[in-house]
Amino acid sequence: MSPAASLPSSSPPSQSGRTSAAKSPAHRIDGPGKPALTGLKHAHTTLDAKHYKTSEFASRLLSIVVALRVPVWQKIGMTSIVVKIFKVSGSLTNAVYFVSCPFEPAAPTLLLRIYGPSSGNLISRPKELHTLHVLSSRYNIGPRIYGTFDNGRIEEYFDSSPLTPADLRDQSVSRSIGARMAELHSVDVSAVEGPSTGGSTTGRDIGVKRNVQEWLFAAKDVLDLPCVSTHDKNALDLDRFQEEWTGYMSRLDRVEQTEGMSTRVFAHNDTQYGNLLRVNGTLEEGMPAHRQIIVVDFEYSAVNPLAFDIANHFHEWTANYHSDVPHILDPSRYPTLEQRRNFYVGYLQHAASSLSDVAGESPSPASEKDLATLERQVRIWSAASHGMWAIWGIVQARDDLARGETQPEFDYIGYAQCRMQSFRREVEALGI
């Protein structure tokens, strides 16, 4: 979901395509689950997102860019006066800006990301940086990272525009998203997550289970705050949710043992429309159509069932984070069976094409059996998406509640209630 990461459809600074293809430095893993970075430059400075319009902010930002030795920027003796800062989005997860220098066309436009105060409770930044490095250097997926500072990072900028809710319903765009997702799911899990204990992807602890287990403690602390109303506590009722979640996971495990397991893959887990960009201009000759779509923001990426990632994407069809009620999902906008099958075809055809390329054979079209299997697996994993984001919403609400915000930019508690209601409704309807 991550609405704070959404990009509005306003025009960014002009930039002639992707920046230099030079790769970011190598990484290492220091201990289990703790990816660290070697060689990635870091500036010991912080930026206050609230002051991005001030000259002091621009001066601090320029000192960071110079310290990170971003190509061209550190050589031309620029002052903060010539730095153009364009706010893309901002809330509790991240504040995002495009940074350019109109007076020096050779200087690449940059993407500045300032981490939100609550994000550390939900996201491992070292792990995220490790993931971004592997994806960009080995698979040419996602942005290059120029370097980090104490509460954010500087990334590569793509000349592109974010998708809109309407774009998700376009048949060709949806099929391209399906192909892109299949491409991401082909990433070697061990390259991103490190080797598993048993050497098998199947035996890994999947992200959705781990997130709910870890976030639940923080969520309970939030609901214990004296400013949380009795109505909200009762509507969310995390003790009840914990029992419901445990029962749902147990039943889901039994179904997979009987019907077959949804393949565990490296999943994005947050393919909402704002995290899907479309390349501006025409693609290079011979480039597949699905490459028009760029996937960004891998903060919540992890090993998960491929059906979970698809189910989560389908729920994002029901969201509009730029509406008057951005925290409310509209179930009537959930993709129809025909629209889901169109997505599945894009996904399965790309997956089959990749396997055929390895075997030197022509890909077979998606069979009715394959489509039916995928539809069934997506259905049984669908409620898991609601459960995970319900807990996420509660954790994200902490800062607004602590500050006594009566009209927050995004109603995280209202969002959590919407997701919790959907979780309980879907679990009951499954009958498993």
Protein backbone atom coordinates (compact mmCIF):
# COMPACT_ATOMS: atom_id res chain seq x y z
CA MET A 1 0.00 0.00 0.00
CA SER A 2 2.44 2.63 1.28
CA PRO A 3 0.51 5.73 0.15
CA ALA A 4 3.30 8.03 1.18
CA ALA A 5 5.44 6.60 -1.57
CA SER A 6 2.92 7.47 -4.28
CA LEU A 7 4.00 9.87 -6.99
CA PRO A 8 1.50 12.44 -8.28
CA SER A 9 1.03 12.97 -11.99
CA SER A 10 2.61 16.42 -11.98
CA SER A 11 5.52 16.94 -14.37
CA PRO A 12 9.03 16.37 -12.97
CA PRO A 13 12.13 18.28 -14.13
CA SER A 14 13.24 17.35 -17.62
CA GLN A 15 15.96 14.73 -17.91
CA SER A 16 17.25 12.83 -20.90
CA GLY A 17 16.50 9.29 -19.80
CA ARG A 18 18.27 7.03 -17.35
CA THR A 19 21.53 8.21 -15.85
CA SER A 20 24.88 6.49 -16.17
CA ALA A 21 24.69 2.72 -16.03
CA ALA A 22 27.71 2.54 -13.71
CA LYS A 23 27.01 0.15 -10.86
CA SER A 24 26.87 0.98 -7.21
CA PRO A 25 29.55 -0.52 -4.91
CA ALA A 26 29.60 -4.06 -3.67
CA HIS A 27 27.75 -5.17 -0.54
CA ARG A 28 28.43 -7.72 2.14
CA ILE A 29 26.25 -9.46 4.69
CA ASP A 30 27.30 -9.09 8.30
CA GLY A 31 25.43 -11.77 10.18
CA PRO A 32 22.05 -13.31 9.44
CA GLY A 33 19.45 -10.90 8.11
CA LYS A 34 21.71 -7.86 8.46
CA PRO A 35 22.90 -6.77 5.03
CA ALA A 36 25.55 -4.07 5.28
CA LEU A 37 27.12 -1.92 2.62
CA THR A 38 30.76 -1.56 1.80
CA GLY A 39 31.92 1.31 -0.36
CA LEU A 40 28.53 3.02 -0.57
CA LYS A 41 29.25 6.62 0.33
CA HIS A 42 27.56 8.16 3.36
CA ALA A 43 27.24 11.77 4.54
CA HIS A 44 26.76 12.32 8.28
CA THR A 45 24.06 14.94 7.82
CA THR A 46 20.30 15.07 8.32
CA LEU A 47 17.61 16.90 6.34
CA ASP A 48 14.32 18.20 7.73
CA ALA A 49 11.61 17.51 5.15
CA LYS A 50 9.46 20.32 6.52
CA HIS A 51 12.05 22.94 5.53
CA TYR A 52 12.65 21.86 1.93
CA LYS A 53 11.81 25.35 0.61
CA THR A 54 14.53 27.09 2.63
CA SER A 55 18.04 28.05 1.49
CA GLU A 56 19.48 26.20 4.50
CA PHE A 57 17.88 22.96 3.29
CA ALA A 58 19.29 23.50 -0.22
CA SER A 59 22.75 24.18 1.18
CA ARG A 60 22.68 21.03 3.32
CA LEU A 61 21.42 19.01 0.37
CA LEU A 62 24.17 20.30 -1.89
CA SER A 63 26.80 19.45 0.72
CA ILE A 64 25.42 15.89 0.79
CA VAL A 65 25.48 15.57 -3.01
CA VAL A 66 29.07 16.83 -3.12
CA ALA A 67 30.13 14.49 -0.28
CA LEU A 68 28.60 11.55 -2.13
CA ARG A 69 30.53 12.57 -5.25
CA VAL A 70 27.53 12.32 -7.54
CA PRO A 71 28.76 12.57 -11.17
CA VAL A 72 29.06 16.18 -12.45
CA TRP A 73 27.43 17.66 -9.33
CA GLN A 74 30.60 17.69 -7.23
CA LYS A 75 32.74 19.25 -9.97
CA ILE A 76 30.99 22.38 -11.12
CA GLY A 77 31.10 24.50 -7.97
CA MET A 78 27.36 25.04 -7.76
CA THR A 79 25.75 27.05 -4.99
CA SER A 80 22.44 26.30 -3.33
CA ILE A 81 20.86 29.13 -5.33
CA VAL A 82 20.92 27.10 -8.56
CA VAL A 83 19.47 23.91 -7.04
CA LYS A 84 15.86 23.23 -8.01
CA ILE A 85 13.92 21.05 -5.55
CA PHE A 86 10.58 19.66 -6.70
CA LYS A 87 8.44 17.93 -4.06
CA VAL A 88 6.93 14.72 -5.35
CA SER A 89 5.28 13.33 -2.22
CA GLY A 90 5.63 13.41 1.51
CA SER A 91 4.13 11.77 4.56
CA LEU A 92 5.21 9.43 7.33
CA THR A 93 6.85 6.72 5.21
CA ASN A 94 9.01 8.92 2.98
CA ALA A 95 9.30 12.41 1.61
CA VAL A 96 10.41 12.30 -2.03
CA TYR A 97 11.86 15.10 -4.17
CA PHE A 98 13.37 15.57 -7.62
CA VAL A 99 16.58 17.61 -7.49
CA SER A 100 17.97 19.27 -10.61
CA CYS A 101 20.27 22.05 -11.77
CA PRO A 102 18.70 23.85 -14.77
CA PHE A 103 21.94 25.82 -15.31
CA GLU A 104 24.02 22.68 -15.81
CA PRO A 105 22.28 20.24 -18.22
CA ALA A 106 25.03 17.67 -17.76
CA ALA A 107 24.18 17.27 -14.09
CA PRO A 108 21.78 14.33 -13.77
CA THR A 109 18.43 14.92 -12.11
CA LEU A 110 18.41 13.11 -8.76
CA LEU A 111 15.75 11.56 -6.57
CA LEU A 112 16.02 12.58 -2.93
CA ARG A 113 14.33 10.35 -0.37
CA ILE A 114 13.99 11.45 3.28
CA TYR A 115 12.85 8.67 5.59
CA GLY A 116 9.79 9.20 7.75
CA PRO A 117 10.09 9.00 11.54
CA SER A 118 8.00 5.82 11.83
CA SER A 119 9.63 3.92 8.99
CA GLY A 120 12.33 2.41 11.19
CA ASN A 121 9.65 0.40 13.01
CA LEU A 122 8.63 -1.27 9.76
CA ILE A 123 11.60 -1.32 7.40
CA SER A 124 15.20 -2.52 7.60
CA ARG A 125 17.03 0.17 5.64
CA PRO A 126 20.31 -1.81 5.32
CA LYS A 127 18.36 -4.75 3.89
CA GLU A 128 16.49 -2.44 1.52
CA LEU A 129 19.75 -0.94 0.24
CA HIS A 130 21.22 -4.39 -0.27
CA THR A 131 18.13 -5.39 -2.26
CA LEU A 132 18.30 -2.28 -4.44
CA HIS A 133 21.97 -2.93 -5.18
CA VAL A 134 21.37 -6.53 -6.26
CA LEU A 135 18.38 -5.62 -8.41
CA SER A 136 20.06 -2.69 -10.16
CA SER A 137 23.51 -4.23 -10.65
CA ARG A 138 22.56 -7.80 -11.51
CA TYR A 139 19.08 -7.52 -13.03
CA ASN A 140 18.85 -3.89 -14.19
CA ILE A 141 15.71 -3.48 -12.07
CA GLY A 142 15.13 -0.37 -9.98
CA PRO A 143 17.32 2.67 -9.31
CA ARG A 144 21.03 2.99 -8.67
CA ILE A 145 21.84 4.38 -5.19
CA TYR A 146 24.42 7.19 -5.26
CA GLY A 147 24.76 7.23 -1.49
CA THR A 148 23.06 7.76 1.84
CA PHE A 149 22.87 10.34 4.62
CA ASP A 150 21.68 9.96 8.20
CA ASN A 151 17.95 10.02 7.44
CA GLY A 152 17.71 9.36 3.73
CA ARG A 153 19.42 8.63 0.43
CA ILE A 154 20.11 9.96 -3.08
CA GLU A 155 18.88 7.75 -5.94
CA GLU A 156 18.92 7.58 -9.69
CA TYR A 157 16.05 9.41 -11.38
CA PHE A 158 14.00 7.82 -14.15
CA ASP A 159 12.42 9.96 -16.88
CA SER A 160 8.97 8.53 -16.36
CA SER A 161 5.49 9.21 -15.05
CA PRO A 162 3.66 7.29 -12.32
CA LEU A 163 0.63 5.25 -13.28
CA THR A 164 -2.83 6.32 -12.20
CA PRO A 165 -5.70 4.20 -10.85
CA ALA A 166 -7.24 4.28 -14.35
CA ASP A 167 -4.01 2.97 -15.91
CA LEU A 168 -4.25 -0.25 -13.92
CA ARG A 169 -7.50 -1.01 -15.75
CA ASP A 170 -5.95 -0.62 -19.20
CA GLN A 171 -5.67 -4.10 -20.71
CA SER A 172 -2.22 -3.66 -22.27
CA VAL A 173 -0.79 -1.87 -19.23
CA SER A 174 -2.13 -4.53 -16.88
CA ARG A 175 -0.64 -7.29 -18.99
CA SER A 176 2.71 -5.47 -18.97
CA ILE A 177 2.56 -5.21 -15.17
CA GLY A 178 1.94 -8.95 -15.06
CA ALA A 179 5.01 -9.57 -17.21
CA ARG A 180 7.11 -7.24 -15.08
CA MET A 181 5.98 -9.03 -11.93
CA ALA A 182 6.91 -12.39 -13.43
CA GLU A 183 10.32 -10.94 -14.30
CA LEU A 184 10.81 -9.79 -10.72
CA HIS A 185 9.69 -13.17 -9.41
CA SER A 186 12.48 -14.81 -11.42
CA VAL A 187 15.14 -13.04 -9.34
CA ASP A 188 17.39 -15.46 -7.48
CA VAL A 189 16.10 -15.31 -3.91
CA SER A 190 19.45 -16.25 -2.39
CA ALA A 191 21.13 -13.30 -4.15
CA VAL A 192 18.83 -10.90 -2.31
CA GLU A 193 18.03 -12.71 0.94
CA GLY A 194 21.18 -14.76 1.36
CA PRO A 195 21.28 -18.58 1.50
CA SER A 196 18.47 -20.28 3.41
CA THR A 197 19.16 -22.64 6.28
CA GLY A 198 17.98 -25.68 4.37
CA GLY A 199 19.07 -24.42 0.96
CA SER A 200 15.45 -24.30 -0.24
CA THR A 201 13.20 -21.35 -1.03
CA THR A 202 10.21 -23.41 0.11
CA GLY A 203 11.51 -23.58 3.68
CA ARG A 204 12.06 -19.84 4.08
CA ASP A 205 10.07 -17.77 6.53
CA ILE A 206 7.81 -15.78 4.22
CA GLY A 207 7.60 -12.01 4.55
CA VAL A 208 3.88 -11.65 5.21
CA LYS A 209 4.01 -13.97 8.21
CA ARG A 210 7.15 -12.37 9.56
CA ASN A 211 5.78 -8.84 9.14
CA VAL A 212 2.55 -9.55 10.97
CA GLN A 213 4.39 -11.31 13.78
CA GLU A 214 6.91 -8.47 14.22
CA TRP A 215 4.59 -5.52 13.65
CA LEU A 216 1.88 -6.83 15.96
CA PHE A 217 3.82 -5.86 19.10
CA ALA A 218 4.29 -2.28 17.90
CA ALA A 219 0.63 -2.12 16.84
CA LYS A 220 -0.55 -3.18 20.30
CA ASP A 221 1.61 -0.46 21.84
CA VAL A 222 -0.06 2.11 19.58
CA LEU A 223 -3.57 1.02 20.55
CA ASP A 224 -2.53 1.26 24.22
CA LEU A 225 -1.92 4.99 23.84
CA PRO A 226 -4.43 6.94 25.99
CA CYS A 227 -5.50 9.05 23.00
CA VAL A 228 -6.87 6.02 21.11
CA SER A 229 -10.63 5.82 21.45
CA THR A 230 -12.42 2.78 22.83
CA HIS A 231 -14.32 2.55 19.55
CA ASP A 232 -11.09 2.24 17.53
CA LYS A 233 -9.63 -0.31 19.95
CA ASN A 234 -12.76 -2.45 19.73
CA ALA A 235 -13.02 -2.14 15.95
CA LEU A 236 -9.45 -3.37 15.52
CA ASP A 237 -9.29 -5.76 18.52
CA LEU A 238 -5.79 -7.12 18.02
CA ASP A 239 -6.22 -10.03 20.45
CA ARG A 240 -9.09 -11.27 18.30
CA PHE A 241 -7.07 -10.61 15.15
CA GLN A 242 -4.14 -12.63 16.48
CA GLU A 243 -6.38 -15.66 16.96
CA GLU A 244 -8.02 -15.17 13.56
CA TRP A 245 -4.66 -14.79 11.82
CA THR A 246 -3.20 -17.89 13.46
CA GLY A 247 -6.24 -19.94 12.48
CA TYR A 248 -6.22 -18.59 8.92
CA MET A 249 -2.52 -19.39 8.48
CA SER A 250 -3.01 -22.92 9.81
CA ARG A 251 -5.91 -23.58 7.46
CA LEU A 252 -4.05 -22.04 4.54
CA ASP A 253 -1.07 -24.32 5.21
CA ARG A 254 -3.36 -27.36 5.12
CA VAL A 255 -4.91 -26.23 1.82
CA GLU A 256 -1.48 -25.81 0.26
CA GLN A 257 -0.43 -29.26 1.44
CA THR A 258 -3.49 -30.68 -0.29
CA GLU A 259 -3.77 -28.53 -3.42
CA GLY A 260 -0.16 -27.50 -3.96
CA MET A 261 1.92 -24.59 -2.77
CA SER A 262 2.08 -21.19 -4.41
CA THR A 263 5.73 -20.84 -5.42
CA ARG A 264 7.83 -18.79 -3.00
CA VAL A 265 9.54 -15.97 -4.89
CA PHE A 266 11.23 -12.65 -4.39
CA ALA A 267 8.15 -10.40 -4.27
CA HIS A 268 7.67 -6.63 -4.31
CA ASN A 269 4.59 -6.72 -2.02
CA ASP A 270 3.57 -3.10 -2.68
CA THR A 271 2.73 -2.77 -6.38
CA GLN A 272 0.31 0.11 -6.00
CA TYR A 273 -0.02 2.49 -8.95
CA GLY A 274 2.37 5.08 -7.48
CA ASN A 275 5.18 2.50 -7.36
CA LEU A 276 4.72 1.67 -11.06
CA LEU A 277 6.24 4.17 -13.48
CA ARG A 278 5.82 4.38 -17.25
CA VAL A 279 8.82 5.44 -19.33
CA ASN A 280 8.32 8.76 -21.08
CA GLY A 281 8.89 8.67 -24.84
CA THR A 282 9.33 5.60 -27.01
CA LEU A 283 11.17 2.44 -26.08
CA GLU A 284 14.38 1.47 -27.81
CA GLU A 285 13.89 -0.68 -30.89
CA GLY A 286 13.51 -4.34 -30.05
CA MET A 287 12.76 -3.73 -26.36
CA PRO A 288 9.76 -5.75 -25.05
CA ALA A 289 6.59 -3.72 -24.42
CA HIS A 290 6.51 -4.61 -20.71
CA ARG A 291 9.79 -2.73 -20.23
CA GLN A 292 7.79 0.49 -20.48
CA ILE A 293 6.86 -0.22 -16.84
CA ILE A 294 9.44 0.49 -14.14
CA VAL A 295 8.91 -0.89 -10.64
CA VAL A 296 10.24 1.24 -7.78
CA ASP A 297 10.16 1.38 -3.96
CA PHE A 298 11.27 -2.03 -2.72
CA GLU A 299 10.93 -1.16 0.98
CA TYR A 300 8.57 -4.05 1.67
CA SER A 301 10.06 -6.59 -0.73
CA ALA A 302 10.63 -10.08 0.68
CA VAL A 303 10.17 -13.74 -0.09
CA ASN A 304 6.46 -14.47 -0.38
CA PRO A 305 4.08 -16.73 -2.30
CA LEU A 306 3.75 -15.35 -5.82
CA ALA A 307 -0.04 -15.48 -5.33
CA PHE A 308 0.27 -13.10 -2.38
CA ASP A 309 2.08 -10.51 -4.51
CA ILE A 310 -0.59 -10.74 -7.21
CA ALA A 311 -3.44 -10.62 -4.68
CA ASN A 312 -1.90 -7.56 -3.08
CA HIS A 313 -1.70 -5.85 -6.48
CA PHE A 314 -5.37 -6.58 -7.17
CA HIS A 315 -6.36 -4.92 -3.88
CA GLU A 316 -4.50 -1.81 -5.03
CA TRP A 317 -6.99 -1.53 -7.89
CA THR A 318 -9.52 -0.57 -5.23
CA ALA A 319 -7.44 2.33 -3.86
CA ASN A 320 -7.19 5.96 -4.88
CA TYR A 321 -4.65 7.70 -2.67
CA HIS A 322 -5.40 11.08 -4.24
CA SER A 323 -9.15 11.06 -3.55
CA ASP A 324 -11.02 12.89 -0.78
CA VAL A 325 -10.98 9.66 1.24
CA PRO A 326 -7.60 8.10 0.35
CA HIS A 327 -7.76 5.64 3.25
CA ILE A 328 -10.92 3.91 2.01
CA LEU A 329 -10.70 1.00 -0.44
CA ASP A 330 -13.62 0.54 -2.84
CA PRO A 331 -14.28 -3.21 -3.33
CA SER A 332 -16.41 -2.48 -6.40
CA ARG A 333 -13.19 -1.52 -8.21
CA TYR A 334 -11.59 -4.92 -7.64
CA PRO A 335 -10.65 -6.41 -11.03
CA THR A 336 -13.27 -8.59 -12.67
CA LEU A 337 -12.54 -12.21 -13.58
CA GLU A 338 -11.83 -11.11 -17.15
CA GLN A 339 -9.39 -8.45 -15.94
CA ARG A 340 -7.70 -10.89 -13.58
CA ARG A 341 -7.31 -13.45 -16.38
CA ASN A 342 -5.76 -10.78 -18.59
CA PHE A 343 -3.18 -10.09 -15.87
CA TYR A 344 -2.55 -13.82 -15.39
CA VAL A 345 -1.91 -14.26 -19.12
CA GLY A 346 0.70 -11.49 -19.06
CA TYR A 347 2.30 -13.07 -16.01
CA LEU A 348 2.24 -16.69 -17.20
CA GLN A 349 3.32 -15.91 -20.76
CA HIS A 350 6.39 -14.04 -19.56
CA ALA A 351 7.22 -16.78 -17.07
CA ALA A 352 6.84 -19.41 -19.82
CA SER A 353 8.88 -17.31 -22.24
CA SER A 354 11.74 -17.08 -19.76
CA LEU A 355 11.77 -20.84 -19.28
CA SER A 356 11.56 -21.42 -23.05
CA ASP A 357 14.51 -19.12 -23.66
CA VAL A 358 16.59 -21.24 -21.29
CA ALA A 359 15.45 -24.47 -22.98
CA GLY A 360 15.64 -23.03 -26.50
CA GLU A 361 11.98 -23.79 -27.19
CA SER A 362 8.90 -21.78 -28.18
CA PRO A 363 6.72 -20.80 -25.20
CA SER A 364 3.34 -22.49 -24.79
CA PRO A 365 0.23 -20.36 -24.23
CA ALA A 366 -1.23 -20.24 -20.73
CA SER A 367 -3.54 -23.21 -20.22
CA GLU A 368 -6.94 -23.09 -18.59
CA LYS A 369 -5.56 -25.29 -15.84
CA ASP A 370 -2.74 -22.82 -15.15
CA LEU A 371 -5.17 -19.89 -15.10
CA ALA A 372 -7.55 -21.71 -12.75
CA THR A 373 -4.73 -22.72 -10.40
CA LEU A 374 -3.41 -19.17 -10.20
CA GLU A 375 -6.90 -17.79 -9.59
CA ARG A 376 -7.44 -20.25 -6.73
CA GLN A 377 -4.08 -19.48 -5.12
CA VAL A 378 -4.62 -15.73 -5.38
CA ARG A 379 -8.01 -16.12 -3.72
CA ILE A 380 -6.74 -18.03 -0.71
CA TRP A 381 -3.81 -15.62 -0.16
CA SER A 382 -5.94 -12.51 -0.68
CA ALA A 383 -6.93 -12.06 2.97
CA ALA A 384 -3.27 -12.12 4.02
CA SER A 385 -2.71 -8.82 2.22
CA HIS A 386 -5.54 -7.19 4.17
CA GLY A 387 -4.23 -8.54 7.47
CA MET A 388 -0.67 -7.33 6.92
CA TRP A 389 -1.63 -3.81 5.85
CA ALA A 390 -4.14 -3.48 8.69
CA ILE A 391 -1.33 -3.95 11.21
CA TRP A 392 0.92 -1.65 9.17
CA GLY A 393 -1.69 1.11 9.31
CA ILE A 394 -1.87 0.97 13.10
CA VAL A 395 1.92 1.25 13.45
CA GLN A 396 2.02 4.13 10.98
CA ALA A 397 -0.58 6.03 13.04
CA ARG A 398 1.74 6.40 16.07
CA ASP A 399 3.25 9.78 15.17
CA ASP A 400 -0.06 11.43 14.29
CA LEU A 401 -1.60 10.15 17.51
CA ALA A 402 1.37 11.27 19.59
CA ARG A 403 1.16 14.75 18.09
CA GLY A 404 -2.59 14.94 18.69
CA GLU A 405 -3.37 15.35 14.98
CA THR A 406 -7.12 15.61 14.54
CA GLN A 407 -6.99 15.88 10.75
CA PRO A 408 -3.93 13.90 9.61
CA GLU A 409 -2.79 13.94 6.00
CA PHE A 410 -3.69 10.24 5.84
CA ASP A 411 -6.07 8.50 8.25
CA TYR A 412 -4.00 5.44 9.12
CA ILE A 413 -6.40 4.21 11.79
CA GLY A 414 -9.32 4.50 9.37
CA TYR A 415 -7.24 2.66 6.77
CA ALA A 416 -6.41 -0.09 9.29
CA GLN A 417 -10.10 -0.52 10.10
CA CYS A 418 -10.97 -0.75 6.40
CA ARG A 419 -8.34 -3.43 5.89
CA MET A 420 -9.30 -5.29 9.07
CA GLN A 421 -12.94 -5.46 7.99
CA SER A 422 -11.87 -6.82 4.61
CA PHE A 423 -9.59 -9.38 6.24
CA ARG A 424 -12.36 -10.73 8.42
CA ARG A 425 -14.87 -10.72 5.58
CA GLU A 426 -12.56 -12.64 3.23
CA VAL A 427 -11.46 -15.19 5.83
CA GLU A 428 -15.09 -15.98 6.61
CA ALA A 429 -15.98 -16.22 2.92
CA LEU A 430 -13.10 -18.62 2.17
CA GLY A 431 -14.58 -21.41 4.23
CA ILE A 432 -11.26 -23.20 4.57
